Protein backbone atom coordinates (compact mmCIF):
# COMPACT_ATOMS: atom_id res chain seq x y z
CA UNK A 1 -10.61 23.91 -5.93
CA UNK A 2 -10.61 19.49 -7.73
CA UNK A 3 -7.19 19.75 -5.42
CA UNK A 4 -8.32 21.10 -2.53
CA UNK A 5 -11.38 18.88 -2.15
CA UNK A 6 -9.58 15.64 -2.99
CA UNK A 7 -7.05 16.95 -0.04
CA UNK A 8 -10.53 17.02 2.03
CA UNK A 9 -11.32 13.67 1.03
CA UNK A 10 -7.94 12.02 1.93
CA UNK A 11 -8.78 14.16 5.64
CA UNK A 12 -11.83 12.22 5.59
CA UNK A 13 -10.57 8.84 4.73
CA UNK A 14 -7.57 9.03 7.11
CA UNK A 15 -9.29 10.66 10.16
CA UNK A 16 -12.59 9.38 10.00
CA UNK A 17 -14.92 12.07 11.86
CA UNK A 18 -17.38 10.01 12.44
CA UNK A 19 -15.87 7.65 14.59
CA UNK A 20 -14.39 10.74 16.23
CA UNK A 21 -17.15 12.97 17.19
CA UNK A 22 -20.75 11.20 18.23
CA UNK A 23 -22.51 13.49 16.25
CA UNK A 24 -21.09 12.92 13.10
CA UNK A 25 -21.58 8.90 13.30
CA UNK A 26 -24.03 7.18 10.90
CA UNK A 27 -23.11 10.42 8.36
CA UNK A 28 -22.04 9.69 4.92
CA UNK A 29 -19.24 12.02 5.26
CA UNK A 30 -16.71 10.62 2.62
CA UNK A 31 -19.53 9.82 0.22
CA UNK A 32 -20.18 13.58 -0.30
CA UNK A 33 -16.59 14.62 -0.56
CA UNK A 34 -15.75 12.23 -3.30
CA UNK A 35 -19.06 12.99 -5.10
CA UNK A 36 -18.01 16.67 -5.06
CA UNK A 37 -14.50 15.88 -6.26
CA UNK A 38 -16.05 13.97 -9.03
CA UNK A 39 -18.41 16.59 -10.32
CA UNK A 40 -15.83 19.09 -10.21
CA UNK A 41 -12.42 17.34 -11.67
CA UNK A 42 -15.14 14.78 -14.30
CA UNK A 43 -13.54 16.38 -17.47
CA UNK A 44 -10.37 15.63 -16.32
CA UNK A 45 -11.01 12.16 -14.93
CA UNK A 46 -12.68 11.58 -18.51
CA UNK A 47 -9.84 12.43 -20.20
CA UNK A 48 -7.35 9.52 -18.83
CA UNK A 49 -9.09 6.84 -20.78
CA UNK A 50 -8.46 8.71 -23.95
CA UNK A 51 -6.08 6.35 -26.07
CA UNK A 52 -2.84 8.69 -25.85
CA UNK A 53 -3.17 8.92 -22.01
CA UNK A 54 -3.78 5.21 -21.88
CA UNK A 55 -0.74 4.11 -23.71
CA UNK A 56 1.33 5.91 -21.45
CA UNK A 57 -0.32 5.10 -18.25
CA UNK A 58 -0.04 1.61 -17.62
CA UNK A 59 -0.32 1.64 -14.32
CA UNK A 60 -3.75 3.00 -14.76
CA UNK A 61 -4.59 0.29 -17.21
CA UNK A 62 -3.91 -2.39 -14.84
CA UNK A 63 -5.67 -0.74 -12.12
CA UNK A 64 -8.68 -0.45 -14.36
CA UNK A 65 -8.30 -3.90 -15.51
CA UNK A 66 -7.97 -5.25 -11.54
CA UNK A 67 -11.79 -3.73 -11.14
CA UNK A 68 -12.83 -5.48 -14.60
CA UNK A 69 -10.91 -8.65 -13.34
CA UNK A 70 -12.83 -8.36 -9.63
CA UNK A 71 -16.39 -8.43 -11.98
CA UNK A 72 -15.71 -10.93 -14.41
CA UNK A 73 -14.71 -13.26 -11.72
CA UNK A 74 -18.53 -13.67 -10.35
CA UNK A 75 -19.79 -13.06 -14.25
CA UNK A 76 -17.93 -16.30 -15.35
CA UNK A 77 -19.72 -18.11 -12.37
CA UNK A 78 -22.79 -16.56 -13.23
CA UNK A 79 -23.69 -14.72 -10.23
CA UNK A 80 -24.64 -11.15 -11.13
CA UNK A 81 -25.75 -10.07 -7.74
CA UNK A 82 -22.05 -10.69 -6.45
CA UNK A 83 -20.69 -9.23 -9.67
CA UNK A 84 -22.86 -5.75 -9.08
CA UNK A 85 -21.74 -5.78 -5.32
CA UNK A 86 -17.87 -6.01 -6.45
CA UNK A 87 -18.38 -3.71 -8.80
CA UNK A 88 -19.76 -1.20 -6.84
CA UNK A 89 -17.66 -1.37 -4.14
CA UNK A 90 -14.01 -1.63 -5.70
CA UNK A 91 -15.26 0.51 -8.20
CA UNK A 92 -15.38 3.38 -5.13
CA UNK A 93 -11.52 2.29 -4.45
CA UNK A 94 -10.17 2.60 -8.47
CA UNK A 95 -12.66 5.99 -8.69
CA UNK A 96 -10.25 7.49 -5.48
CA UNK A 97 -7.21 5.95 -7.92
CA UNK A 98 -8.24 7.57 -10.76
CA UNK A 99 -9.61 11.20 -8.94
CA UNK A 100 -5.77 11.25 -7.62
CA UNK A 101 -4.31 11.12 -11.51
CA UNK A 102 -7.44 13.66 -12.49
CA UNK A 103 -6.59 16.51 -10.01
CA UNK A 104 -2.45 16.61 -9.33
CA UNK A 105 -1.31 18.42 -12.27
CA UNK A 106 2.02 19.85 -11.39
CA UNK A 107 4.92 18.83 -9.20
CA UNK A 108 3.70 21.67 -6.40
CA UNK A 109 0.66 20.12 -6.24
CA UNK A 110 2.22 16.81 -5.41
CA UNK A 111 4.19 18.32 -2.99
CA UNK A 112 1.56 19.40 -0.87
CA UNK A 113 -0.62 16.26 -1.28
CA UNK A 114 2.40 14.61 0.11
CA UNK A 115 2.57 16.99 3.24
CA UNK A 116 -1.71 17.04 3.77
CA UNK A 117 -0.84 13.03 4.18
CA UNK A 118 1.91 13.41 6.87
CA UNK A 119 -0.45 15.22 8.74
CA UNK A 120 -3.55 13.56 8.47
CA UNK A 121 -1.07 10.29 9.49
CA UNK A 122 0.08 12.23 12.47
CA UNK A 123 -3.49 12.70 13.60
CA UNK A 124 -4.33 9.05 12.61
CA UNK A 125 -1.01 8.36 15.27
CA UNK A 126 -1.61 10.50 17.92
CA UNK A 127 -5.34 9.02 18.25
CA UNK A 128 -4.15 5.33 18.18
CA UNK A 129 -1.19 6.18 20.85
CA UNK A 130 -3.38 8.64 22.99
CA UNK A 131 -5.88 5.73 22.92
CA UNK A 132 -3.59 2.64 23.81
CA UNK A 133 -2.36 4.42 26.63
CA UNK A 134 -5.91 5.13 28.01
CA UNK A 135 -5.91 9.25 27.57
CA UNK A 136 -8.72 9.42 25.37
CA UNK A 137 -11.70 6.92 24.94
CA UNK A 138 -13.16 6.08 21.79
CA UNK A 139 -15.48 3.74 22.22
CA UNK A 140 -15.16 2.74 18.03
CA UNK A 141 -11.60 2.10 18.87
CA UNK A 142 -9.71 -0.47 21.00
CA UNK A 143 -6.65 -2.20 21.16
CA UNK A 144 -6.58 -5.64 19.51
CA UNK A 145 -4.88 -8.46 21.62
CA UNK A 146 -3.13 -11.46 20.15
CA UNK A 147 -2.86 -15.08 22.21
CA UNK A 148 0.52 -16.52 21.24
CA UNK A 149 1.67 -19.90 22.64
CA UNK A 150 4.80 -19.77 25.23
CA UNK A 151 6.38 -23.26 25.27
CA UNK A 152 8.06 -22.58 28.54
CA UNK A 153 5.46 -20.94 30.72
CA UNK A 154 2.72 -23.67 28.95
CA UNK A 155 0.44 -20.49 28.65
CA UNK A 156 -0.99 -18.42 26.30
CA UNK A 157 0.48 -14.84 26.15
CA UNK A 158 -1.50 -11.99 25.57
CA UNK A 159 0.03 -9.33 23.40
CA UNK A 160 -1.75 -6.06 22.99
CA UNK A 161 -1.41 -4.38 19.38
CA UNK A 162 -2.31 -1.11 18.26
CA UNK A 163 -4.61 0.09 15.85
CA UNK A 164 -6.63 3.17 14.95
CA UNK A 165 -9.60 4.51 13.24
CA UNK A 166 -11.66 3.44 10.04
CA UNK A 167 -9.86 1.70 7.33
CA UNK A 168 -6.58 1.94 9.61
CA UNK A 169 -8.36 -0.33 12.56
CA UNK A 170 -5.69 -3.35 12.09
CA UNK A 171 -2.15 -2.98 13.09
CA UNK A 172 -0.90 -4.07 10.14
CA UNK A 173 -2.85 -1.31 8.02
CA UNK A 174 -1.93 1.14 10.32
CA UNK A 175 2.09 0.20 10.26
CA UNK A 176 1.69 0.54 6.38
CA UNK A 177 0.65 3.89 6.35
CA UNK A 178 3.17 4.55 9.04
CA UNK A 179 5.49 3.41 7.01
CA UNK A 180 4.68 6.07 4.08
CA UNK A 181 4.43 8.60 6.69
CA UNK A 182 7.81 8.18 8.05
CA UNK A 183 9.57 7.99 4.53
CA UNK A 184 7.52 11.35 3.28
CA UNK A 185 9.00 13.09 6.54
CA UNK A 186 12.55 11.85 5.50
CA UNK A 187 12.00 13.54 2.43
CA UNK A 188 10.83 17.06 3.81
CA UNK A 189 12.99 17.17 5.98
CA UNK A 190 15.98 16.90 3.25
CA UNK A 191 14.57 19.91 1.70
CA UNK A 192 17.25 22.91 1.92
CA UNK A 193 14.84 25.61 1.08
CA UNK A 194 13.19 25.59 3.91
CA UNK A 195 16.10 26.25 6.57
CA UNK A 196 15.91 25.00 10.19
CA UNK A 197 12.39 24.71 9.76
CA UNK A 198 12.72 21.70 7.52
CA UNK A 199 14.33 19.96 11.18
CA UNK A 200 10.19 20.13 12.41
CA UNK A 201 9.52 17.14 10.55
CA UNK A 202 11.38 15.45 12.39
CA UNK A 203 9.16 15.30 15.52
CA UNK A 204 6.56 13.21 13.33
CA UNK A 205 9.23 10.85 12.35
CA UNK A 206 9.75 9.97 16.32
CA UNK A 207 5.88 9.76 16.60
CA UNK A 208 5.38 6.83 13.61
CA UNK A 209 8.37 5.05 14.73
CA UNK A 210 6.53 4.93 18.23
CA UNK A 211 3.37 3.67 17.02
CA UNK A 212 5.28 1.11 14.44
CA UNK A 213 6.75 -0.59 17.35
CA UNK A 214 2.98 -0.41 19.18
CA UNK A 215 1.15 -2.15 16.23
CA UNK A 216 3.82 -5.15 16.69
CA UNK A 217 3.24 -5.96 12.75
CA UNK A 218 6.23 -7.50 11.54
CA UNK A 219 4.88 -7.51 8.19
CA UNK A 220 4.44 -3.64 8.17
CA UNK A 221 8.62 -3.68 9.98
CA UNK A 222 9.59 -5.52 6.81
CA UNK A 223 7.92 -2.97 4.71
CA UNK A 224 9.42 0.41 6.09
CA UNK A 225 13.16 -1.57 6.49
CA UNK A 226 12.67 -2.02 2.69
CA UNK A 227 11.91 0.86 1.73
CA UNK A 228 14.53 2.42 4.21
CA UNK A 229 16.81 0.54 2.49
CA UNK A 230 15.86 2.05 -0.87
CA UNK A 231 16.76 5.06 0.13
CA UNK A 232 19.70 4.55 1.92
CA UNK A 233 20.71 3.01 -1.70
CA UNK A 234 19.79 5.81 -3.58
CA UNK A 235 21.56 8.69 -1.15
CA UNK A 236 24.72 6.42 -0.37
CA UNK A 237 25.27 3.59 -2.84
CA UNK A 238 25.43 -0.02 -2.70
CA UNK A 239 28.48 -0.04 -0.67
CA UNK A 240 27.82 1.78 2.58
CA UNK A 241 23.91 0.82 2.61
CA UNK A 242 25.07 -2.51 3.16
CA UNK A 243 27.30 -1.66 5.90
CA UNK A 244 24.23 0.37 7.18
CA UNK A 245 22.31 -2.40 7.07
CA UNK A 246 24.75 -5.30 9.30
CA UNK A 247 24.95 -2.46 12.16
CA UNK A 248 21.27 -1.47 11.71
CA UNK A 249 19.25 -4.60 11.18
CA UNK A 250 20.99 -6.45 14.42
CA UNK A 251 20.10 -3.09 16.52
CA UNK A 252 17.00 -2.85 15.53
CA UNK A 253 16.71 -6.63 16.28
CA UNK A 254 18.05 -6.19 19.89
CA UNK A 255 16.27 -2.88 20.62
CA UNK A 256 12.43 -4.18 19.61
CA UNK A 257 12.72 -7.90 20.24
CA UNK A 258 9.19 -9.83 21.07
CA UNK A 259 6.67 -10.42 18.44
CA UNK A 260 7.84 -7.98 15.98
CA UNK A 261 11.08 -9.25 15.58
CA UNK A 262 9.85 -13.37 15.67
CA UNK A 263 10.40 -14.52 11.76
CA UNK A 264 10.28 -18.25 12.67
CA UNK A 265 8.10 -20.69 11.11
CA UNK A 266 6.89 -22.84 14.25
CA UNK A 267 4.00 -24.54 13.46
CA UNK A 268 2.52 -22.54 16.40
CA UNK A 269 3.30 -19.21 14.54
CA UNK A 270 1.13 -16.82 12.47
CA UNK A 271 3.91 -17.15 9.72
CA UNK A 272 3.85 -21.63 9.08
CA UNK A 273 -0.24 -20.88 9.42
CA UNK A 274 0.02 -17.99 6.55
CA UNK A 275 2.45 -20.39 4.35
CA UNK A 276 -0.35 -22.72 4.84
CA UNK A 277 -3.01 -20.59 3.60
CA UNK A 278 -1.23 -19.98 0.34
CA UNK A 279 -1.01 -23.71 -0.32
CA UNK A 280 -4.86 -24.24 -0.27
CA UNK A 281 -5.20 -21.16 -2.39
CA UNK A 282 -2.94 -22.41 -5.09
CA UNK A 283 -5.04 -25.79 -4.79
CA UNK A 284 -8.50 -23.28 -5.89
CA UNK A 285 -6.11 -21.46 -8.17
CA UNK A 286 -6.16 -24.76 -9.98
CA UNK A 287 -9.64 -25.42 -10.10
CA UNK A 288 -10.30 -21.65 -11.31
CA UNK A 289 -6.98 -20.55 -13.52
CA UNK A 290 -8.30 -18.32 -15.58
CA UNK A 291 -11.08 -16.08 -13.91
CA UNK A 292 -10.54 -16.93 -10.16
CA UNK A 293 -13.02 -18.25 -7.66
CA UNK A 294 -14.30 -14.89 -6.87
CA UNK A 295 -13.30 -11.60 -5.76
CA UNK A 296 -14.04 -11.86 -1.53
CA UNK A 297 -14.40 -15.80 -1.49
CA UNK A 298 -11.09 -16.48 -0.64
CA UNK A 299 -12.28 -16.13 2.84
CA UNK A 300 -15.03 -18.47 2.58
CA UNK A 301 -13.13 -21.28 0.35
CA UNK A 302 -10.22 -21.19 3.31
CA UNK A 303 -11.58 -19.57 6.51
CA UNK A 304 -9.33 -17.03 5.94
CA UNK A 305 -8.06 -14.37 3.58
CA UNK A 306 -4.18 -15.65 2.28
CA UNK A 307 -2.63 -13.18 3.93
CA UNK A 308 -0.22 -12.40 0.74
CA UNK A 309 -2.08 -9.65 -1.66
CA UNK A 310 -0.73 -11.66 -4.67
CA UNK A 311 -1.76 -14.83 -3.71
CA UNK A 312 -5.08 -13.55 -3.08
CA UNK A 313 -4.64 -11.95 -6.44
CA UNK A 314 -4.46 -14.72 -8.44
CA UNK A 315 -6.66 -17.33 -6.74
CA UNK A 316 -9.50 -14.81 -6.86
CA UNK A 317 -9.09 -13.34 -9.75
CA UNK A 318 -7.50 -15.44 -11.98
CA UNK A 319 -3.92 -15.58 -14.19
CA UNK A 320 -5.17 -12.69 -16.03
CA UNK A 321 -6.62 -10.93 -13.16
CA UNK A 322 -3.49 -11.66 -10.75
CA UNK A 323 -0.80 -10.67 -13.25
CA UNK A 324 -3.07 -7.26 -13.68
CA UNK A 325 -2.53 -6.64 -10.03
CA UNK A 326 1.02 -7.45 -9.88
CA UNK A 327 1.83 -5.59 -12.96
CA UNK A 328 0.34 -2.23 -11.51
CA UNK A 329 3.16 -2.36 -8.95
CA UNK A 330 5.80 -3.53 -11.91
CA UNK A 331 4.91 -0.90 -13.61
CA UNK A 332 4.83 1.77 -11.00
CA UNK A 333 8.41 0.43 -10.04
CA UNK A 334 10.05 0.40 -13.51
CA UNK A 335 8.14 3.52 -14.41
CA UNK A 336 9.83 5.35 -10.96
CA UNK A 337 13.29 3.86 -12.10
CA UNK A 338 13.51 5.11 -15.53
CA UNK A 339 12.79 8.42 -14.55
CA UNK A 340 16.13 8.81 -13.41
CA UNK A 341 16.78 9.08 -17.67
CA UNK A 342 14.64 11.95 -17.75
CA UNK A 343 14.66 13.98 -14.93
CA UNK A 344 17.98 15.96 -15.61
CA UNK A 345 16.54 18.69 -17.33
CA UNK A 346 13.57 19.58 -14.43
CA UNK A 347 13.14 22.92 -13.84
CA UNK A 348 12.25 21.74 -9.49
CA UNK A 349 15.37 20.11 -8.11
CA UNK A 350 12.55 19.01 -5.70
CA UNK A 351 10.85 16.92 -8.11
CA UNK A 352 14.22 15.21 -9.04
CA UNK A 353 15.15 14.66 -5.09
CA UNK A 354 11.56 13.10 -4.54
CA UNK A 355 12.42 10.26 -6.76
CA UNK A 356 13.78 8.05 -4.38
CA UNK A 357 11.29 8.37 -2.10
CA UNK A 358 8.39 7.63 -4.13
CA UNK A 359 10.16 4.38 -5.53
CA UNK A 360 10.78 3.65 -1.69
CA UNK A 361 7.32 4.14 -0.71
CA UNK A 362 6.30 1.43 -3.45
CA UNK A 363 9.25 -1.33 -2.78
CA UNK A 364 7.86 -0.78 1.21
CA UNK A 365 4.17 -1.24 0.86
CA UNK A 366 4.75 -4.43 -1.73
CA UNK A 367 6.93 -5.96 0.77
CA UNK A 368 4.21 -5.18 3.06
CA UNK A 369 1.30 -6.71 0.92
CA UNK A 370 3.89 -9.99 0.69
CA UNK A 371 1.80 -10.84 4.38
CA UNK A 372 -1.40 -8.87 4.06
CA UNK A 373 -4.44 -9.19 1.82
CA UNK A 374 -5.23 -6.06 0.74
CA UNK A 375 -5.94 -5.94 -2.99
CA UNK A 376 -9.14 -3.52 -2.72
CA UNK A 377 -8.44 -0.96 -0.35
CA UNK A 378 -7.89 2.60 -0.89
CA UNK A 379 -4.15 3.02 0.42
CA UNK A 380 -2.95 0.10 -1.89
CA UNK A 381 -4.05 2.46 -4.75
CA UNK A 382 -2.72 5.65 -3.09
CA UNK A 383 0.55 4.31 -3.50
CA UNK A 384 0.04 3.23 -7.03
CA UNK A 385 -1.92 6.61 -7.83
CA UNK A 386 1.31 8.46 -6.04
CA UNK A 387 3.88 6.21 -8.34
CA UNK A 388 2.13 6.79 -11.38
CA UNK A 389 1.21 10.29 -11.00
CA UNK A 390 5.43 11.17 -10.27
CA UNK A 391 5.66 9.35 -13.65
CA UNK A 392 3.33 11.36 -15.84
CA UNK A 393 4.08 14.48 -14.36
CA UNK A 394 8.40 13.85 -15.05
CA UNK A 395 7.45 12.95 -18.09
CA UNK A 396 4.91 15.91 -18.90
CA UNK A 397 7.76 18.03 -17.57
CA UNK A 398 10.43 16.47 -20.00
CA UNK A 399 7.86 15.37 -23.11
CA UNK A 400 10.18 11.82 -22.73
CA UNK A 401 8.18 8.99 -22.32
CA UNK A 402 9.40 6.30 -19.64
CA UNK A 403 7.01 3.78 -19.78
CA UNK A 404 4.64 2.72 -22.68
CA UNK A 405 1.85 0.33 -22.87
CA UNK A 406 3.00 -1.93 -26.33
CA UNK A 407 3.72 -5.46 -27.12
CA UNK A 408 7.16 -5.38 -25.19
CA UNK A 409 5.66 -4.51 -22.13
CA UNK A 410 2.67 -6.56 -22.45
CA UNK A 411 5.92 -9.53 -23.01
CA UNK A 412 7.03 -8.06 -19.79
CA UNK A 413 4.21 -8.39 -17.44
CA UNK A 414 3.66 -11.85 -18.44
CA UNK A 415 7.38 -12.84 -17.43
CA UNK A 416 7.13 -10.87 -14.13
CA UNK A 417 3.34 -13.19 -13.74
CA UNK A 418 5.11 -16.33 -14.09
CA UNK A 419 8.02 -15.11 -12.16
CA UNK A 420 5.83 -14.02 -9.29
CA UNK A 421 4.00 -17.31 -9.11
CA UNK A 422 7.55 -19.34 -9.33
CA UNK A 423 8.51 -16.96 -5.97
CA UNK A 424 5.24 -18.13 -4.14
CA UNK A 425 4.90 -21.97 -4.91
CA UNK A 426 8.90 -21.66 -3.88
CA UNK A 427 7.95 -19.64 -0.86
CA UNK A 428 5.34 -22.78 -0.45
CA UNK A 429 7.62 -25.36 -0.50
CA UNK A 430 10.48 -24.28 1.60
CA UNK A 431 8.79 -22.27 4.13
CA UNK A 432 6.24 -25.04 4.74
CA UNK A 433 8.78 -27.56 4.47
CA UNK A 434 10.68 -25.77 6.57
CA UNK A 435 7.64 -25.39 9.25
């Protein structure tokens, strides 16, 4: 029952019935469902905090550590009110991750969850497309209009950007989840056990691809491209992937055109403005290096968010909290990567075939986060949860420990964190100078 309640929780999270059906507006449907899921699954949720479980699930340690760092970032400033607020709001997001880890017990359940996610993203995208083209009218859902300066005409151009309901009311957030939908649909299309019916999963890919173009999201496009390259590399190898990229990338740039394929660093472009935001954030980090300036405080100090989740994490949560955020993605990637040594004995070959797609989802989402601040939202921890669940199920199926929280891993996380900081600093220096 806990698993199906969690599926229902995702349906409510993605589709947001309160925004579509006026009679449901204002009802705390999500809170009701997540509490019901918590009541049913709490024994398994508590099991995640045993010593053995934490040692074998470093992603969980990092995720919970981000929540603790968010609270401490305010307590260090003797700000109990904001510490309580951030603890509650971010705690709900972390609870979602813990429930995912608690209720998905088998490879078959993981597959059912992925199928459910695709169907929910289909509804999400269909609503957005219909609204964008004026076929339906949802008062709470409007098209974003972005103004960009046109040097040739000397006037501002208005670029319409599609968005959807709820937490996907930003084109960039919508684009990131569309990328997840494309990768899962590709995986389902390759399931030969379904015969010709498997090709029905091509329809969502077409919808998601069209929706992706309407979002005009550059970060999302880069994320999806990165994920597809990972899948191609896993299936066809380095040489074929390189050849495919040489043909596909120029073709995409020509076909899409416009804002979505404009990656220049012109001073009038949002890309250059984001580099400036990163630089201002680094100055704030120097002032509060250990605990950061406080969760949710970046925009108060710099007038905007960082538009880079890793910069955002370091500046708001300090070096420790930023390392935990980066560490969650490192452990997720490294864990899924290492399962290639342990999946040979798995009973379910479809679970083995899923591996590159899970890896691609993490890589694609992480690339998208390089231009977005999404440290405290559910989709971020959904991706981390899917990867961590895949690793856990792999270890349970094969009895092989592919990832372990020990001194060696702690040293690795420290080195990865330093490398990430160096990369961010180099990006600020090089791209800022270029712009």
